Amino acid sequence: MRATLMYRAGDVRIEDVPDSVIKQPTDALVRVTASCICGSDLHPYGAMKPEDGPARMGHEFIGIVEDTGPEVATVKKGDLVVAPFAISDNTCAFCREGLHTSCTHPQANFWDGEPEEGCQAEAVRVPLADGTLVKLPVAPDSALIPSLLTLSDVFGTGYHAALTGGVTERTRVTVIGDGAVGLMAVLSAKRLGAEQIILMGRHQARTDLGRAFGATDVVSARGEEGIAQVRELTGGHGTHVVLEAVGHMPAYDQAVGIVRPGGVISRVGVPQYEEAPIGFGSLFRHNLRLAGGPAPVRAYIEELMPDILNGTIEPGKVFDVTTDLDGVPAGYQDMADRKSLKVLIKP
């Protein structure tokens, strides 16, 4: 079968690899019908060392079950399914608490940690299929597929940011980052009733979509100028919640400068740093809190799906390009160059 491999920074190739096959009785084999490139894939695309490659790529997908192991009970051949970016059993103590990204099962993992699997491919072996896969009540060619695919990562991640940040109808919110996750954070904050949503982004096509998703204000400036503009929009105080969807240190510094005393910084951009200001002058003095983390999107799929099915929301608008596998390398480059927001892949 054909699959996407990253060899080093800037070097993505489509190659023939051994077919994915059932290995464990709890596995399912899924033919991928829709996948995509994630903003977090751009971190290795910009920095991967040759010794770390080649790596199979992709952690978001919808597909049709082709085969199952003998212990799989909740999905069967022919089912259309969506998979979160984290593999989990959905039964351990942490899963029952809604923290599937900390599942204790020995096979629990992130897709990026499965060296022989990746979802930017024609097929994928799914460990712990009963816990990981969720059946979809639509046909594979449904117009809702792009929006349902966002349940695999970006919509659930934006929702996790807003939820752990404590967004309610009484909060003012700033979203840092106009990528797909940032825009999903805007949509999620709107869904939770936020009265003011400030989107910090520099690309008008994206910020226009952000306004359509619910942003009340847009600030294109960064750094101290951007902080000053947000504070001006909020009576000098900043916002109760800052949803940081970038992952780089300047975005974190910006969040610290924007958040209101007693507020929350909720981070879902994968941090590209280990050390950050958290001491007296940065967080402690004004009772600021840090939240966020890798989103347990499996916990949110059933909650978020109905609004997609009934047309209340259309998160699939974040996909602005569609390609087959041959177009994936160019898709990475276009997303890195900010020519594309998010690339949908139809293998």
Protein backbone atom coordinates (compact mmCIF):
# COMPACT_ATOMS: atom_id res chain seq x y z
CA MET A 1 0.00 0.00 0.00
CA ARG A 2 1.01 3.66 -0.32
CA ALA A 3 1.78 5.84 2.65
CA THR A 4 3.39 9.15 3.66
CA LEU A 5 6.87 9.16 5.17
CA MET A 6 8.90 12.10 6.44
CA TYR A 7 12.65 11.63 6.08
CA ARG A 8 13.86 14.95 7.44
CA ALA A 9 12.77 18.56 7.67
CA GLY A 10 11.15 19.51 4.38
CA ASP A 11 11.42 16.00 2.92
CA VAL A 12 8.06 14.19 2.66
CA ARG A 13 7.63 11.25 0.30
CA ILE A 14 4.83 8.93 -0.80
CA GLU A 15 6.15 5.37 -0.90
CA ASP A 16 5.03 1.76 -1.07
CA VAL A 17 5.08 0.13 2.37
CA PRO A 18 3.98 -3.31 3.63
CA ASP A 19 0.20 -3.61 3.91
CA SER A 20 -1.24 -3.00 7.35
CA VAL A 21 -2.60 -6.26 8.81
CA ILE A 22 -4.39 -7.47 11.93
CA LYS A 23 -1.83 -8.31 14.63
CA GLN A 24 -3.83 -8.40 17.87
CA PRO A 25 -7.31 -9.80 18.54
CA THR A 26 -8.44 -6.29 19.49
CA ASP A 27 -7.25 -4.72 16.20
CA ALA A 28 -9.29 -3.46 13.28
CA LEU A 29 -8.04 -2.90 9.75
CA VAL A 30 -9.43 0.29 8.24
CA ARG A 31 -9.26 1.53 4.65
CA VAL A 32 -8.70 5.28 4.89
CA THR A 33 -11.22 7.36 2.95
CA ALA A 34 -10.34 10.79 4.38
CA SER A 35 -7.30 12.09 6.21
CA CYS A 36 -5.49 15.39 6.50
CA ILE A 37 -2.31 17.27 7.37
CA CYS A 38 -2.22 18.72 10.87
CA GLY A 39 -0.58 21.92 12.01
CA SER A 40 1.40 19.86 14.51
CA ASP A 41 2.86 17.91 11.56
CA LEU A 42 4.58 21.16 10.59
CA HIS A 43 6.79 21.03 13.69
CA PRO A 44 8.81 18.02 12.43
CA TYR A 45 8.46 19.32 8.88
CA GLY A 46 10.42 22.35 9.99
CA ALA A 47 12.89 20.66 12.35
CA MET A 48 13.16 16.86 11.94
CA LYS A 49 16.73 15.57 11.92
CA PRO A 50 17.66 12.93 9.32
CA GLU A 51 18.48 10.40 12.04
CA ASP A 52 14.86 10.58 13.26
CA GLY A 53 13.43 9.55 9.87
CA PRO A 54 11.81 8.05 8.00
CA ALA A 55 8.63 8.40 10.05
CA ARG A 56 5.12 7.42 9.06
CA MET A 57 2.83 10.45 9.13
CA GLY A 58 -0.79 11.18 9.92
CA HIS A 59 -3.00 10.95 13.01
CA GLU A 60 -6.48 12.03 11.81
CA PHE A 61 -8.73 9.86 9.66
CA ILE A 62 -12.11 8.50 8.66
CA GLY A 63 -12.32 5.12 6.99
CA ILE A 64 -14.20 1.89 6.32
CA VAL A 65 -13.55 -1.17 8.47
CA GLU A 66 -12.20 -3.97 6.26
CA ASP A 67 -11.44 -6.59 8.91
CA THR A 68 -11.45 -7.04 12.70
CA GLY A 69 -9.75 -9.22 15.23
CA PRO A 70 -11.87 -11.86 17.01
CA GLU A 71 -12.29 -9.78 20.19
CA VAL A 72 -13.63 -6.64 18.48
CA ALA A 73 -17.31 -6.18 19.30
CA THR A 74 -18.38 -2.59 18.59
CA VAL A 75 -17.43 -2.22 14.91
CA LYS A 76 -17.65 -4.62 11.98
CA LYS A 77 -16.65 -4.86 8.33
CA GLY A 78 -18.28 -2.11 6.29
CA ASP A 79 -18.71 0.38 9.15
CA LEU A 80 -17.62 3.96 8.51
CA VAL A 81 -15.58 5.13 11.48
CA VAL A 82 -13.62 8.10 12.78
CA ALA A 83 -10.55 7.73 14.99
CA PRO A 84 -9.11 10.15 17.55
CA PHE A 85 -5.41 10.99 17.41
CA ALA A 86 -4.86 8.95 20.58
CA ILE A 87 -5.40 5.18 20.84
CA SER A 88 -7.22 4.17 24.02
CA ASP A 89 -9.30 1.34 25.50
CA ASN A 90 -12.09 3.69 26.69
CA THR A 91 -12.46 1.58 29.84
CA CYS A 92 -9.49 2.29 32.16
CA ALA A 93 -9.80 4.65 35.13
CA PHE A 94 -8.44 7.62 33.21
CA CYS A 95 -10.65 6.98 30.17
CA ARG A 96 -13.69 6.81 32.44
CA GLU A 97 -12.67 10.22 33.76
CA GLY A 98 -12.51 11.56 30.21
CA LEU A 99 -8.71 11.59 29.98
CA HIS A 100 -8.15 9.15 27.14
CA THR A 101 -4.72 10.60 26.38
CA SER A 102 -3.53 9.07 29.66
CA CYS A 103 -5.03 5.61 29.05
CA THR A 104 -3.15 2.98 31.04
CA HIS A 105 -3.60 0.09 28.59
CA PRO A 106 -0.22 -1.22 27.33
CA GLN A 107 -1.29 -0.65 23.72
CA ALA A 108 -2.52 2.89 24.32
CA ASN A 109 -0.51 5.38 22.29
CA PHE A 110 -0.55 8.40 20.05
CA TRP A 111 -0.64 7.58 16.35
CA ASP A 112 2.68 9.35 15.97
CA GLY A 113 4.10 6.72 18.34
CA GLU A 114 3.07 3.81 16.11
CA PRO A 115 6.19 3.35 13.94
CA GLU A 116 4.54 1.06 11.38
CA GLU A 117 1.28 2.98 11.06
CA GLY A 118 0.16 6.39 9.90
CA CYS A 119 -3.13 7.77 8.68
CA GLN A 120 -1.86 9.67 5.64
CA ALA A 121 -2.03 6.34 3.85
CA GLU A 122 -4.37 3.96 2.08
CA ALA A 123 -5.00 1.83 5.17
CA VAL A 124 -4.17 1.61 8.86
CA ARG A 125 -4.20 -0.99 11.62
CA VAL A 126 -6.15 0.33 14.61
CA PRO A 127 -5.16 -1.10 18.01
CA LEU A 128 -7.85 -1.22 20.70
CA ALA A 129 -10.52 -0.79 18.05
CA ASP A 130 -13.46 -1.02 20.46
CA GLY A 131 -12.16 1.88 22.53
CA THR A 132 -10.70 3.99 19.75
CA LEU A 133 -13.10 3.88 16.81
CA VAL A 134 -16.47 5.63 16.68
CA LYS A 135 -19.07 4.68 14.06
CA LEU A 136 -20.42 7.46 11.87
CA PRO A 137 -24.10 7.54 10.78
CA VAL A 138 -23.38 8.83 7.27
CA ALA A 139 -22.18 7.49 3.93
CA PRO A 140 -18.48 7.71 2.95
CA ASP A 141 -19.33 10.31 0.29
CA SER A 142 -21.42 12.50 2.62
CA ALA A 143 -20.93 16.24 2.37
CA LEU A 144 -20.42 16.17 6.15
CA ILE A 145 -17.16 14.17 5.95
CA PRO A 146 -14.83 17.22 6.23
CA SER A 147 -16.63 18.42 9.35
CA LEU A 148 -16.78 14.93 10.88
CA LEU A 149 -13.05 14.54 10.22
CA THR A 150 -12.38 17.51 12.54
CA LEU A 151 -13.64 15.32 15.39
CA SER A 152 -10.44 13.31 14.99
CA ASP A 153 -8.34 16.20 16.28
CA VAL A 154 -8.76 19.90 15.60
CA PHE A 155 -12.36 20.46 16.70
CA GLY A 156 -11.91 18.34 19.83
CA THR A 157 -8.62 20.11 20.52
CA GLY A 158 -10.13 23.58 20.21
CA TYR A 159 -13.02 22.45 22.41
CA HIS A 160 -10.59 21.04 24.98
CA ALA A 161 -8.82 24.39 25.10
CA ALA A 162 -12.07 26.24 25.75
CA LEU A 163 -13.40 23.67 28.22
CA THR A 164 -10.26 23.44 30.36
CA GLY A 165 -9.96 27.21 30.20
CA GLY A 166 -13.36 27.48 31.81
CA VAL A 167 -15.06 29.41 29.02
CA THR A 168 -18.67 30.36 29.82
CA GLU A 169 -21.15 33.03 28.77
CA ARG A 170 -19.52 35.33 31.36
CA THR A 171 -15.97 35.15 30.04
CA ARG A 172 -13.98 37.24 27.63
CA VAL A 173 -11.65 35.10 25.54
CA THR A 174 -8.53 35.66 23.45
CA VAL A 175 -7.47 33.01 20.95
CA ILE A 176 -3.82 33.14 19.87
CA GLY A 177 -3.27 31.58 16.45
CA ASP A 178 -5.36 31.56 13.28
CA GLY A 179 -4.56 27.99 12.24
CA ALA A 180 -7.20 25.27 12.22
CA VAL A 181 -6.98 24.64 15.97
CA GLY A 182 -7.19 28.34 16.76
CA LEU A 183 -10.27 28.69 14.57
CA MET A 184 -11.81 25.64 16.25
CA ALA A 185 -11.07 27.28 19.61
CA VAL A 186 -13.05 30.32 18.41
CA LEU A 187 -15.93 28.08 17.34
CA SER A 188 -15.81 26.26 20.68
CA ALA A 189 -15.73 29.45 22.72
CA LYS A 190 -18.75 30.68 20.78
CA ARG A 191 -20.50 27.34 21.39
CA LEU A 192 -19.87 27.76 25.13
CA GLY A 193 -21.36 31.26 25.07
CA ALA A 194 -18.35 33.58 25.43
CA GLU A 195 -19.44 37.22 25.25
CA GLN A 196 -16.25 38.50 23.64
CA ILE A 197 -13.82 36.47 21.51
CA ILE A 198 -10.67 38.19 20.31
CA LEU A 199 -8.77 36.31 17.59
CA MET A 200 -5.08 37.12 17.20
CA GLY A 201 -4.01 36.31 13.66
CA ARG A 202 -2.38 37.90 10.63
CA HIS A 203 -3.97 36.14 7.65
CA GLN A 204 -7.20 37.81 6.56
CA ALA A 205 -8.77 34.77 4.90
CA ARG A 206 -8.34 32.89 8.17
CA THR A 207 -9.46 35.70 10.45
CA ASP A 208 -12.50 36.24 8.22
CA LEU A 209 -13.37 32.58 8.81
CA GLY A 210 -12.73 33.19 12.48
CA ARG A 211 -15.31 35.98 12.45
CA ALA A 212 -17.77 33.61 10.78
CA PHE A 213 -17.09 31.11 13.58
CA GLY A 214 -17.82 33.73 16.24
CA ALA A 215 -14.84 36.05 16.78
CA THR A 216 -16.01 39.51 17.82
CA ASP A 217 -12.64 41.21 17.31
CA VAL A 218 -9.43 40.55 15.37
CA VAL A 219 -5.97 41.74 16.40
CA SER A 220 -3.25 41.27 13.79
CA ALA A 221 -0.38 42.75 15.82
CA ARG A 222 1.95 40.53 17.84
CA GLY A 223 4.14 41.00 20.88
CA GLU A 224 3.79 44.10 23.02
CA GLU A 225 1.73 45.89 20.38
CA GLY A 226 -0.71 43.01 20.20
CA ILE A 227 -0.93 42.80 23.99
CA ALA A 228 -1.67 46.52 24.19
CA GLN A 229 -4.44 46.24 21.58
CA VAL A 230 -6.12 43.36 23.41
CA ARG A 231 -5.97 45.26 26.69
CA GLU A 232 -7.47 48.30 24.98
CA LEU A 233 -10.37 46.12 23.80
CA THR A 234 -10.94 44.86 27.34
CA GLY A 235 -10.88 48.03 29.42
CA GLY A 236 -7.20 47.57 30.22
CA HIS A 237 -7.67 44.31 32.12
CA GLY A 238 -7.12 41.58 29.53
CA THR A 239 -9.35 38.54 29.05
CA HIS A 240 -10.48 35.93 31.54
CA VAL A 241 -9.26 33.12 29.29
CA VAL A 242 -6.46 32.89 26.72
CA LEU A 243 -6.52 29.91 24.36
CA GLU A 244 -2.99 29.43 23.02
CA ALA A 245 -3.05 27.36 19.83
CA VAL A 246 0.48 27.92 18.50
CA GLY A 247 3.01 26.23 20.78
CA HIS A 248 5.98 28.58 20.42
CA MET A 249 7.42 30.71 23.21
CA PRO A 250 6.37 34.10 21.76
CA ALA A 251 2.76 32.90 21.84
CA TYR A 252 3.10 31.88 25.49
CA ASP A 253 4.68 35.25 26.37
CA GLN A 254 1.81 36.94 24.57
CA ALA A 255 -0.69 34.88 26.57
CA VAL A 256 0.93 35.93 29.86
CA GLY A 257 0.66 39.56 28.79
CA ILE A 258 -3.01 39.28 27.82
CA VAL A 259 -4.61 37.21 30.55
CA ARG A 260 -6.70 39.03 33.16
CA PRO A 261 -5.83 38.69 36.90
CA GLY A 262 -7.40 35.48 38.17
CA GLY A 263 -7.58 34.16 34.61
CA VAL A 264 -6.53 31.01 32.79
CA ILE A 265 -4.05 30.32 30.00
CA SER A 266 -5.17 27.13 28.23
CA ARG A 267 -2.52 25.71 25.89
CA VAL A 268 -3.24 23.20 23.15
CA GLY A 269 -0.54 24.21 20.69
CA VAL A 270 2.11 21.50 21.13
CA PRO A 271 4.80 23.32 23.18
CA GLN A 272 8.15 23.59 21.43
CA TYR A 273 9.81 24.52 24.74
CA GLU A 274 10.23 23.01 28.22
CA GLU A 275 10.95 26.14 30.24
CA ALA A 276 8.60 29.12 30.45
CA PRO A 277 7.87 31.96 32.92
CA ILE A 278 5.66 30.68 35.75
CA GLY A 279 7.06 32.54 38.78
CA PHE A 280 5.94 35.45 40.94
CA GLY A 281 6.08 38.18 38.31
CA SER A 282 4.51 36.14 35.50
CA LEU A 283 1.77 33.89 36.93
CA PHE A 284 1.85 33.75 40.73
CA ARG A 285 1.39 37.45 41.52
CA HIS A 286 -2.01 37.71 39.81
CA ASN A 287 -3.37 34.23 40.55
CA LEU A 288 -3.02 33.09 36.95
CA ARG A 289 -3.50 29.42 36.07
CA LEU A 290 -2.19 27.14 33.34
CA ALA A 291 -4.48 24.56 31.74
CA GLY A 292 -4.76 22.57 28.52
CA GLY A 293 -2.71 19.68 27.20
CA PRO A 294 -3.21 17.02 24.53
CA ALA A 295 -6.94 16.85 23.99
CA PRO A 296 -8.75 13.62 24.91
CA VAL A 297 -10.88 14.05 21.80
CA ARG A 298 -12.41 10.57 22.21
CA ALA A 299 -14.28 12.00 25.21
CA TYR A 300 -15.86 14.74 23.09
CA ILE A 301 -16.85 12.98 19.84
CA GLU A 302 -20.37 11.95 20.87
CA GLU A 303 -20.96 15.36 22.45
CA LEU A 304 -19.87 17.40 19.43
CA MET A 305 -21.12 15.20 16.59
CA PRO A 306 -24.86 16.07 16.80
CA ASP A 307 -24.26 19.74 16.04
CA ILE A 308 -22.40 18.69 12.89
CA LEU A 309 -25.08 16.21 11.82
CA ASN A 310 -27.89 18.73 12.25
CA GLY A 311 -26.01 21.53 10.50
CA THR A 312 -25.72 23.84 13.49
CA ILE A 313 -21.97 24.17 12.90
CA GLU A 314 -19.64 23.45 9.98
CA PRO A 315 -16.08 23.03 11.31
CA GLY A 316 -15.05 21.43 8.02
CA LYS A 317 -14.71 24.93 6.58
CA VAL A 318 -11.12 24.87 7.87
CA PHE A 319 -10.24 22.60 4.93
CA ASP A 320 -9.40 24.84 2.01
CA VAL A 321 -7.54 22.31 -0.19
CA THR A 322 -8.28 18.70 -1.13
CA THR A 323 -5.68 16.34 -2.62
CA ASP A 324 -4.85 12.70 -3.15
CA LEU A 325 -1.73 11.06 -1.71
CA ASP A 326 0.43 12.31 -4.58
CA GLY A 327 -0.32 15.89 -3.54
CA VAL A 328 0.63 15.42 0.11
CA PRO A 329 4.29 16.60 -0.13
CA ALA A 330 3.17 19.83 -1.82
CA GLY A 331 0.40 20.11 0.79
CA TYR A 332 2.98 20.15 3.58
CA GLN A 333 4.92 22.90 1.86
CA ASP A 334 1.81 24.97 1.18
CA MET A 335 0.72 24.74 4.82
CA ALA A 336 4.23 25.63 5.99
CA ASP A 337 4.18 28.64 3.64
CA ARG A 338 0.69 29.61 4.92
CA LYS A 339 -0.71 29.22 1.42
CA SER A 340 -3.15 26.62 2.73
CA LEU A 341 -4.98 26.50 6.06
CA LYS A 342 -5.57 22.73 6.28
CA VAL A 343 -5.23 20.08 3.56
CA LEU A 344 -7.82 17.31 3.24
CA ILE A 345 -6.46 14.03 1.85
CA LYS A 346 -8.57 11.51 -0.06
CA PRO A 347 -6.31 8.50 -0.62
